[in-house]
Amino acid sequence: MEINKQLGSPASFVDQTVVPGDVVLDLSTMTNKTIKLGGGLRQDCDSISVMKAGKLRSSKPNKYWVESSQKRYVPCVEDTILGIAVDSKADNFLVDIKGPALAFLPVLAFEGGTRRNIPKFEVGTLLYVRVVKANIGMNPELSCTDASGKAAEFGPLKDGFMFETSIGLSRMLLSSPTCPVLEALGKKLSFEIAVGLNGRVWVNAASPYTVVVVANAIMNSESLSSTQQIIMVDNLLKSIQ
C-alpha cells in the first residue's frame, strides 16, 4: 500500500480524518521546533505516523494527537485525568484511570510532600491528577502537582457527581475556545467542572438540580454541531423551568 507523505507542517491534516499508516509530518524538513505527540501518533525515524483511526487534533504549542470516540484510555505524559483511588501501599496509592492498568500515585507526589504528612485517601476517592510517566509495559505514574511542583488544581475532588464519557467528548470539553455546550451552560448556571482526558467528568454545584442539568447536557452534546449544542441547552433549560 502506497502512503502519501506530507512534507512540512501537518496543518493540512488537522481536523481531518486520518487512518493507521498515514504520515502527517516529516521531521527532516523542520528545524528548531519541538513537537509533542499525544495519543494515536508515533515517530518512525523522521516521520510521524498515525496509529489509530480518528481526527487529527492540535493545540499550541505544536502538540498533536488523534481523537476518536474510544472509551479505553491510553495514558500519555502530561495528560490531566480523573482517577479513583482503589488501594494504598507503603509508597504508592493505586489509582484506576480507566486504562489498561492501574496507575501509581507516589505518596510524596504532592506539594511539600514528606513522610510526615502523607495524605490519606479512602477507597473510591476521586482525584484530579497529572500523568508523569507512561511507558509501554509499565504501570503509569501520576502526580498531584504541576510541572513546577505546585498543587495548582490537582488533588481530591469532594462532593459533586462524576460520570464517564468517550475520550473524544472529554477532549472537546477541554478545547479552546470554550466548547459551545459549556459556554451556553455557563451563561445560565453556576457550577464547577473538572474534565479528565481519560473520559471522566466531575460536576459540582450548590443545587443537585444544576448538577443533573449540566451532566445531561454534556452527555447529549457529543454528536451535535456547535449550533445544535446551543439549541439543545436552551431547550433543556426551558423544559425543566
C-alpha atoms as a PDB file:
ATOM      1  CA  MET A   1       0.000   0.000   0.000  1.00  0.00           C
ATOM      2  CA  GLU A   2       1.395   3.355  -1.008  1.00  0.00           C
ATOM      3  CA  ILE A   3       1.389   6.054   1.679  1.00  0.00           C
ATOM      4  CA  ASN A   4       1.185   9.681   0.683  1.00  0.00           C
ATOM      5  CA  LYS A   5       3.737  11.720   2.567  1.00  0.00           C
ATOM      6  CA  GLN A   6       3.021  15.330   3.520  1.00  0.00           C
ATOM      7  CA  LEU A   7       6.164  17.407   3.998  1.00  0.00           C
ATOM      8  CA  GLY A   8       6.489  20.260   6.472  1.00  0.00           C
ATOM      9  CA  SER A   9       3.634  21.330   8.703  1.00  0.00           C
ATOM     10  CA  PRO A  10       0.787  18.887   9.401  1.00  0.00           C
ATOM     11  CA  ALA A  11      -1.678  21.778   9.375  1.00  0.00           C
ATOM     12  CA  SER A  12      -3.466  20.385   6.303  1.00  0.00           C
ATOM     13  CA  PHE A  13      -4.299  17.209   8.274  1.00  0.00           C
ATOM     14  CA  VAL A  14      -5.644  18.960  11.389  1.00  0.00           C
ATOM     15  CA  ASP A  15      -9.363  18.331  11.950  1.00  0.00           C
ATOM     16  CA  GLN A  16      -9.311  15.789   9.105  1.00  0.00           C
ATOM     17  CA  THR A  17      -9.944  12.063   9.379  1.00  0.00           C
ATOM     18  CA  VAL A  18      -6.744  10.000   9.441  1.00  0.00           C
ATOM     19  CA  VAL A  19      -6.160   6.235   9.488  1.00  0.00           C
ATOM     20  CA  PRO A  20      -3.295   3.991  10.607  1.00  0.00           C
ATOM     21  CA  GLY A  21      -0.310   4.367   8.283  1.00  0.00           C
ATOM     22  CA  ASP A  22      -0.942   7.994   7.314  1.00  0.00           C
ATOM     23  CA  VAL A  23       2.223  10.083   7.610  1.00  0.00           C
ATOM     24  CA  VAL A  24       1.332  13.569   8.851  1.00  0.00           C
ATOM     25  CA  LEU A  25       4.774  15.082   9.386  1.00  0.00           C
ATOM     26  CA  ASP A  26       8.335  14.767   8.089  1.00  0.00           C
ATOM     27  CA  LEU A  27      10.723  15.933  10.825  1.00  0.00           C
ATOM     28  CA  SER A  28      13.678  16.139   8.427  1.00  0.00           C
ATOM     29  CA  THR A  29      12.153  19.291   6.923  1.00  0.00           C
ATOM     30  CA  MET A  30      11.804  21.034  10.294  1.00  0.00           C
ATOM     31  CA  THR A  31      14.409  22.782  12.402  1.00  0.00           C
ATOM     32  CA  ASN A  32      14.316  24.473  15.822  1.00  0.00           C
ATOM     33  CA  LYS A  33      10.822  23.180  16.572  1.00  0.00           C
ATOM     34  CA  THR A  34       9.694  20.935  19.404  1.00  0.00           C
ATOM     35  CA  ILE A  35       6.786  18.660  18.500  1.00  0.00           C
ATOM     36  CA  LYS A  36       4.761  16.991  21.245  1.00  0.00           C
ATOM     37  CA  LEU A  37       2.929  13.800  20.320  1.00  0.00           C
ATOM     38  CA  GLY A  38      -0.277  12.699  22.012  1.00  0.00           C
ATOM     39  CA  GLY A  39      -2.286   9.515  21.684  1.00  0.00           C
ATOM     40  CA  GLY A  40      -2.585   7.825  18.296  1.00  0.00           C
ATOM     41  CA  LEU A  41       0.731   9.070  16.860  1.00  0.00           C
ATOM     42  CA  ARG A  42       4.227   7.639  16.839  1.00  0.00           C
ATOM     43  CA  GLN A  43       7.648   8.562  15.499  1.00  0.00           C
ATOM     44  CA  ASP A  44       9.352   6.325  12.945  1.00  0.00           C
ATOM     45  CA  CYS A  45      12.795   7.844  12.294  1.00  0.00           C
ATOM     46  CA  ASP A  46      11.963  11.256  10.776  1.00  0.00           C
ATOM     47  CA  SER A  47       8.287  10.526  10.162  1.00  0.00           C
ATOM     48  CA  ILE A  48       5.278  10.984  12.428  1.00  0.00           C
ATOM     49  CA  SER A  49       2.666   8.405  11.532  1.00  0.00           C
ATOM     50  CA  VAL A  50      -0.858   7.581  12.652  1.00  0.00           C
ATOM     51  CA  MET A  51      -1.586   4.512  14.818  1.00  0.00           C
ATOM     52  CA  LYS A  52      -5.388   4.636  15.077  1.00  0.00           C
ATOM     53  CA  ALA A  53      -8.314   5.988  13.093  1.00  0.00           C
ATOM     54  CA  GLY A  54      -9.843   9.310  14.107  1.00  0.00           C
ATOM     55  CA  LYS A  55      -9.385  13.038  13.588  1.00  0.00           C
ATOM     56  CA  LEU A  56      -6.023  14.727  13.903  1.00  0.00           C
ATOM     57  CA  ARG A  57      -6.189  17.499  16.507  1.00  0.00           C
ATOM     58  CA  SER A  58      -3.669  20.077  17.641  1.00  0.00           C
ATOM     59  CA  SER A  59      -3.092  22.619  20.383  1.00  0.00           C
ATOM     60  CA  LYS A  60      -0.465  25.251  20.994  1.00  0.00           C
ATOM     61  CA  PRO A  61       2.448  24.960  21.052  1.00  0.00           C
ATOM     62  CA  ASN A  62       2.903  22.206  18.463  1.00  0.00           C
ATOM     63  CA  LYS A  63       1.069  19.350  20.209  1.00  0.00           C
ATOM     64  CA  TYR A  64      -0.754  16.834  18.017  1.00  0.00           C
ATOM     65  CA  TRP A  65      -2.919  13.808  18.756  1.00  0.00           C
ATOM     66  CA  VAL A  66      -5.559  11.608  17.129  1.00  0.00           C
ATOM     67  CA  GLU A  67      -9.024  11.999  18.614  1.00  0.00           C
ATOM     68  CA  SER A  68     -11.552   9.198  18.459  1.00  0.00           C
ATOM     69  CA  SER A  69     -14.657   8.134  20.343  1.00  0.00           C
ATOM     70  CA  GLN A  70     -12.969   5.211  22.059  1.00  0.00           C
ATOM     71  CA  LYS A  71     -13.771   4.503  25.694  1.00  0.00           C
ATOM     72  CA  ARG A  72     -10.497   2.838  26.708  1.00  0.00           C
ATOM     73  CA  TYR A  73      -7.951   5.442  27.761  1.00  0.00           C
ATOM     74  CA  VAL A  74      -4.290   5.129  26.714  1.00  0.00           C
ATOM     75  CA  PRO A  75      -2.118   7.222  29.102  1.00  0.00           C
ATOM     76  CA  CYS A  76       0.164   9.933  27.715  1.00  0.00           C
ATOM     77  CA  VAL A  77       2.649  12.070  29.644  1.00  0.00           C
ATOM     78  CA  GLU A  78       1.232  15.450  30.760  1.00  0.00           C
ATOM     79  CA  ASP A  79      -2.380  14.322  30.398  1.00  0.00           C
ATOM     80  CA  THR A  80      -4.629  15.647  33.156  1.00  0.00           C
ATOM     81  CA  ILE A  81      -7.100  12.978  34.193  1.00  0.00           C
ATOM     82  CA  LEU A  82      -9.585  11.897  36.854  1.00  0.00           C
ATOM     83  CA  GLY A  83      -8.579   8.798  38.794  1.00  0.00           C
ATOM     84  CA  ILE A  84     -10.271   6.743  41.512  1.00  0.00           C
ATOM     85  CA  ALA A  85      -8.210   5.533  44.469  1.00  0.00           C
ATOM     86  CA  VAL A  86      -8.615   1.753  44.806  1.00  0.00           C
ATOM     87  CA  ASP A  87      -5.887   0.828  47.309  1.00  0.00           C
ATOM     88  CA  SER A  88      -2.898   2.212  49.217  1.00  0.00           C
ATOM     89  CA  LYS A  89       0.568   0.760  49.752  1.00  0.00           C
ATOM     90  CA  ALA A  90       3.557   1.925  51.763  1.00  0.00           C
ATOM     91  CA  ASP A  91       4.938   4.086  48.937  1.00  0.00           C
ATOM     92  CA  ASN A  92       2.053   4.469  46.477  1.00  0.00           C
ATOM     93  CA  PHE A  93      -1.659   4.820  46.069  1.00  0.00           C
ATOM     94  CA  LEU A  94      -3.149   2.556  43.392  1.00  0.00           C
ATOM     95  CA  VAL A  95      -5.441   4.508  41.094  1.00  0.00           C
ATOM     96  CA  ASP A  96      -7.958   3.402  38.468  1.00  0.00           C
ATOM     97  CA  ILE A  97      -7.533   5.730  35.475  1.00  0.00           C
ATOM     98  CA  LYS A  98      -9.876   3.915  33.054  1.00  0.00           C
ATOM     99  CA  GLY A  99      -6.859   2.494  31.239  1.00  0.00           C
ATOM    100  CA  PRO A 100      -5.406  -0.965  30.641  1.00  0.00           C
ATOM    101  CA  ALA A 101      -3.612  -0.994  34.026  1.00  0.00           C
ATOM    102  CA  LEU A 102      -3.794   0.655  37.424  1.00  0.00           C
ATOM    103  CA  ALA A 103      -1.570   3.702  37.917  1.00  0.00           C
ATOM    104  CA  PHE A 104       0.785   4.525  40.785  1.00  0.00           C
ATOM    105  CA  LEU A 105       0.460   7.792  42.693  1.00  0.00           C
ATOM    106  CA  PRO A 106       3.554   8.109  44.940  1.00  0.00           C
ATOM    107  CA  VAL A 107       2.747   9.227  48.482  1.00  0.00           C
ATOM    108  CA  LEU A 108       5.286  12.045  48.054  1.00  0.00           C
ATOM    109  CA  ALA A 109       3.846  13.299  44.731  1.00  0.00           C
ATOM    110  CA  PHE A 110       2.106  16.212  46.429  1.00  0.00           C
ATOM    111  CA  GLU A 111       3.177  19.791  47.042  1.00  0.00           C
ATOM    112  CA  GLY A 112       5.540  19.765  50.026  1.00  0.00           C
ATOM    113  CA  GLY A 113       5.088  16.020  50.362  1.00  0.00           C
ATOM    114  CA  THR A 114       7.129  14.361  53.122  1.00  0.00           C
ATOM    115  CA  ARG A 115       6.884  11.139  55.099  1.00  0.00           C
ATOM    116  CA  ARG A 116       5.355  13.103  57.981  1.00  0.00           C
ATOM    117  CA  ASN A 117       2.392  14.481  56.069  1.00  0.00           C
ATOM    118  CA  ILE A 118       1.347  11.646  53.779  1.00  0.00           C
ATOM    119  CA  PRO A 119      -2.276  12.192  52.704  1.00  0.00           C
ATOM    120  CA  LYS A 120      -4.891   9.564  53.424  1.00  0.00           C
ATOM    121  CA  PHE A 121      -7.462   8.658  50.799  1.00  0.00           C
ATOM    122  CA  GLU A 122     -10.379   6.314  51.289  1.00  0.00           C
ATOM    123  CA  VAL A 123     -11.103   3.755  48.593  1.00  0.00           C
ATOM    124  CA  GLY A 124     -13.291   5.463  45.992  1.00  0.00           C
ATOM    125  CA  THR A 125     -11.813   8.947  46.433  1.00  0.00           C
ATOM    126  CA  LEU A 126     -11.883  10.868  43.154  1.00  0.00           C
ATOM    127  CA  LEU A 127      -8.556  12.528  42.288  1.00  0.00           C
ATOM    128  CA  TYR A 128      -7.587  15.118  39.692  1.00  0.00           C
ATOM    129  CA  VAL A 129      -4.054  14.123  38.681  1.00  0.00           C
ATOM    130  CA  ARG A 130      -1.354  14.543  36.049  1.00  0.00           C
ATOM    131  CA  VAL A 131       0.376  11.708  34.175  1.00  0.00           C
ATOM    132  CA  VAL A 132       4.168  11.960  34.597  1.00  0.00           C
ATOM    133  CA  LYS A 133       5.272   8.563  33.244  1.00  0.00           C
ATOM    134  CA  ALA A 134       3.571   6.397  30.628  1.00  0.00           C
ATOM    135  CA  ASN A 135       5.834   3.679  29.265  1.00  0.00           C
ATOM    136  CA  ILE A 136       4.693   0.551  27.444  1.00  0.00           C
ATOM    137  CA  GLY A 137       4.797  -2.464  29.746  1.00  0.00           C
ATOM    138  CA  MET A 138       4.851  -0.406  32.943  1.00  0.00           C
ATOM    139  CA  ASN A 139       2.131   0.975  35.178  1.00  0.00           C
ATOM    140  CA  PRO A 140       1.635   4.714  34.600  1.00  0.00           C
ATOM    141  CA  GLU A 141       2.841   7.119  37.282  1.00  0.00           C
ATOM    142  CA  LEU A 142       0.776  10.087  38.457  1.00  0.00           C
ATOM    143  CA  SER A 143       1.341  13.292  40.382  1.00  0.00           C
ATOM    144  CA  CYS A 144      -0.844  15.781  42.246  1.00  0.00           C
ATOM    145  CA  THR A 145       1.406  18.703  41.300  1.00  0.00           C
ATOM    146  CA  ASP A 146       2.041  20.706  38.155  1.00  0.00           C
ATOM    147  CA  ALA A 147       5.409  20.800  36.366  1.00  0.00           C
ATOM    148  CA  SER A 148       6.741  23.343  38.893  1.00  0.00           C
ATOM    149  CA  GLY A 149       5.823  21.189  41.890  1.00  0.00           C
ATOM    150  CA  LYS A 150       2.810  23.259  42.940  1.00  0.00           C
ATOM    151  CA  ALA A 151      -0.524  21.708  43.851  1.00  0.00           C
ATOM    152  CA  ALA A 152      -2.399  24.042  41.469  1.00  0.00           C
ATOM    153  CA  GLU A 153      -5.832  22.492  40.893  1.00  0.00           C
ATOM    154  CA  PHE A 154      -4.701  18.894  41.484  1.00  0.00           C
ATOM    155  CA  GLY A 155      -5.854  16.710  44.361  1.00  0.00           C
ATOM    156  CA  PRO A 156      -9.052  15.115  45.698  1.00  0.00           C
ATOM    157  CA  LEU A 157     -12.420  16.286  44.368  1.00  0.00           C
ATOM    158  CA  LYS A 158     -15.042  16.380  47.101  1.00  0.00           C
ATOM    159  CA  ASP A 159     -18.813  16.121  46.743  1.00  0.00           C
ATOM    160  CA  GLY A 160     -20.235  16.594  43.252  1.00  0.00           C
ATOM    161  CA  PHE A 161     -21.010  13.912  40.679  1.00  0.00           C
ATOM    162  CA  MET A 162     -18.646  12.027  38.364  1.00  0.00           C
ATOM    163  CA  PHE A 163     -19.746  10.412  35.096  1.00  0.00           C
ATOM    164  CA  GLU A 164     -17.948   8.842  32.162  1.00  0.00           C
ATOM    165  CA  THR A 165     -17.873   9.916  28.518  1.00  0.00           C
ATOM    166  CA  SER A 166     -15.905   8.965  25.431  1.00  0.00           C
ATOM    167  CA  ILE A 167     -12.328  10.188  25.077  1.00  0.00           C
ATOM    168  CA  GLY A 168     -13.370  12.363  22.133  1.00  0.00           C
ATOM    169  CA  LEU A 169     -16.054  14.165  24.131  1.00  0.00           C
ATOM    170  CA  SER A 170     -13.690  14.877  27.017  1.00  0.00           C
ATOM    171  CA  ARG A 171     -11.197  16.466  24.616  1.00  0.00           C
ATOM    172  CA  MET A 172     -13.983  18.550  23.082  1.00  0.00           C
ATOM    173  CA  LEU A 173     -14.915  19.831  26.541  1.00  0.00           C
ATOM    174  CA  LEU A 174     -11.299  20.898  27.106  1.00  0.00           C
ATOM    175  CA  SER A 175     -10.929  22.593  23.730  1.00  0.00           C
ATOM    176  CA  SER A 176     -10.121  26.260  23.300  1.00  0.00           C
ATOM    177  CA  PRO A 177     -12.096  28.427  22.788  1.00  0.00           C
ATOM    178  CA  THR A 178     -14.675  27.071  25.234  1.00  0.00           C
ATOM    179  CA  CYS A 179     -16.904  24.460  23.617  1.00  0.00           C
ATOM    180  CA  PRO A 180     -20.477  25.671  22.921  1.00  0.00           C
ATOM    181  CA  VAL A 181     -22.246  23.399  25.399  1.00  0.00           C
ATOM    182  CA  LEU A 182     -20.160  24.625  28.356  1.00  0.00           C
ATOM    183  CA  GLU A 183     -20.366  28.237  27.218  1.00  0.00           C
ATOM    184  CA  ALA A 184     -24.165  28.042  26.945  1.00  0.00           C
ATOM    185  CA  LEU A 185     -24.496  26.376  30.355  1.00  0.00           C
ATOM    186  CA  GLY A 186     -22.138  28.883  31.972  1.00  0.00           C
ATOM    187  CA  LYS A 187     -24.319  31.797  30.904  1.00  0.00           C
ATOM    188  CA  LYS A 188     -27.348  30.450  32.794  1.00  0.00           C
ATOM    189  CA  LEU A 189     -25.969  28.249  35.590  1.00  0.00           C
ATOM    190  CA  SER A 190     -23.254  28.393  38.254  1.00  0.00           C
ATOM    191  CA  PHE A 191     -21.213  25.199  38.640  1.00  0.00           C
ATOM    192  CA  GLU A 192     -17.710  23.717  38.971  1.00  0.00           C
ATOM    193  CA  ILE A 193     -16.375  21.210  36.485  1.00  0.00           C
ATOM    194  CA  ALA A 194     -13.245  19.094  36.108  1.00  0.00           C
ATOM    195  CA  VAL A 195     -12.663  17.172  32.888  1.00  0.00           C
ATOM    196  CA  GLY A 196     -10.140  14.378  32.529  1.00  0.00           C
ATOM    197  CA  LEU A 197      -8.626  13.374  29.211  1.00  0.00           C
ATOM    198  CA  ASN A 198      -9.450   9.797  30.192  1.00  0.00           C
ATOM    199  CA  GLY A 199     -13.165  10.380  29.615  1.00  0.00           C
ATOM    200  CA  ARG A 200     -14.296  11.237  33.126  1.00  0.00           C
ATOM    201  CA  VAL A 201     -16.122  14.426  34.082  1.00  0.00           C
ATOM    202  CA  TRP A 202     -16.846  15.793  37.577  1.00  0.00           C
ATOM    203  CA  VAL A 203     -19.538  18.411  38.162  1.00  0.00           C
ATOM    204  CA  ASN A 204     -20.383  20.184  41.416  1.00  0.00           C
ATOM    205  CA  ALA A 205     -22.941  22.882  42.199  1.00  0.00           C
ATOM    206  CA  ALA A 206     -24.931  24.258  45.110  1.00  0.00           C
ATOM    207  CA  SER A 207     -28.066  22.574  43.774  1.00  0.00           C
ATOM    208  CA  PRO A 208     -28.372  18.889  42.754  1.00  0.00           C
ATOM    209  CA  TYR A 209     -30.756  20.129  40.054  1.00  0.00           C
ATOM    210  CA  THR A 210     -27.920  22.094  38.440  1.00  0.00           C
ATOM    211  CA  VAL A 211     -25.596  19.079  38.559  1.00  0.00           C
ATOM    212  CA  VAL A 212     -28.177  16.889  36.779  1.00  0.00           C
ATOM    213  CA  VAL A 213     -28.846  19.518  34.102  1.00  0.00           C
ATOM    214  CA  VAL A 214     -25.136  20.045  33.363  1.00  0.00           C
ATOM    215  CA  ALA A 215     -24.392  16.313  33.251  1.00  0.00           C
ATOM    216  CA  ASN A 216     -27.323  15.593  30.925  1.00  0.00           C
ATOM    217  CA  ALA A 217     -26.419  18.464  28.590  1.00  0.00           C
ATOM    218  CA  ILE A 218     -22.809  17.294  28.321  1.00  0.00           C
ATOM    219  CA  MET A 219     -23.744  13.664  27.650  1.00  0.00           C
ATOM    220  CA  ASN A 220     -26.223  14.748  24.964  1.00  0.00           C
ATOM    221  CA  SER A 221     -23.734  17.011  23.168  1.00  0.00           C
ATOM    222  CA  GLU A 222     -21.239  14.567  21.650  1.00  0.00           C
ATOM    223  CA  SER A 223     -22.890  14.069  18.267  1.00  0.00           C
ATOM    224  CA  LEU A 224     -24.201  17.630  17.913  1.00  0.00           C
ATOM    225  CA  SER A 225     -22.770  20.566  15.960  1.00  0.00           C
ATOM    226  CA  SER A 226     -21.922  23.835  17.744  1.00  0.00           C
ATOM    227  CA  THR A 227     -25.292  25.369  16.834  1.00  0.00           C
ATOM    228  CA  GLN A 228     -27.175  22.226  17.831  1.00  0.00           C
ATOM    229  CA  GLN A 229     -25.423  22.195  21.231  1.00  0.00           C
ATOM    230  CA  ILE A 230     -26.617  25.726  21.989  1.00  0.00           C
ATOM    231  CA  ILE A 231     -30.183  24.921  20.897  1.00  0.00           C
ATOM    232  CA  MET A 232     -30.149  21.724  22.969  1.00  0.00           C
ATOM    233  CA  VAL A 233     -29.083  23.597  26.130  1.00  0.00           C
ATOM    234  CA  ASP A 234     -31.765  26.259  25.600  1.00  0.00           C
ATOM    235  CA  ASN A 235     -34.462  23.624  25.099  1.00  0.00           C
ATOM    236  CA  LEU A 236     -33.262  21.638  28.107  1.00  0.00           C
ATOM    237  CA  LEU A 237     -33.390  24.665  30.404  1.00  0.00           C
ATOM    238  CA  LYS A 238     -36.843  25.677  29.137  1.00  0.00           C
ATOM    239  CA  SER A 239     -38.291  22.188  29.582  1.00  0.00           C
ATOM    240  CA  ILE A 240     -37.364  21.991  33.273  1.00  0.00           C
ATOM    241  CA  GLN A 241     -38.208  25.525  34.343  1.00  0.00           C
END
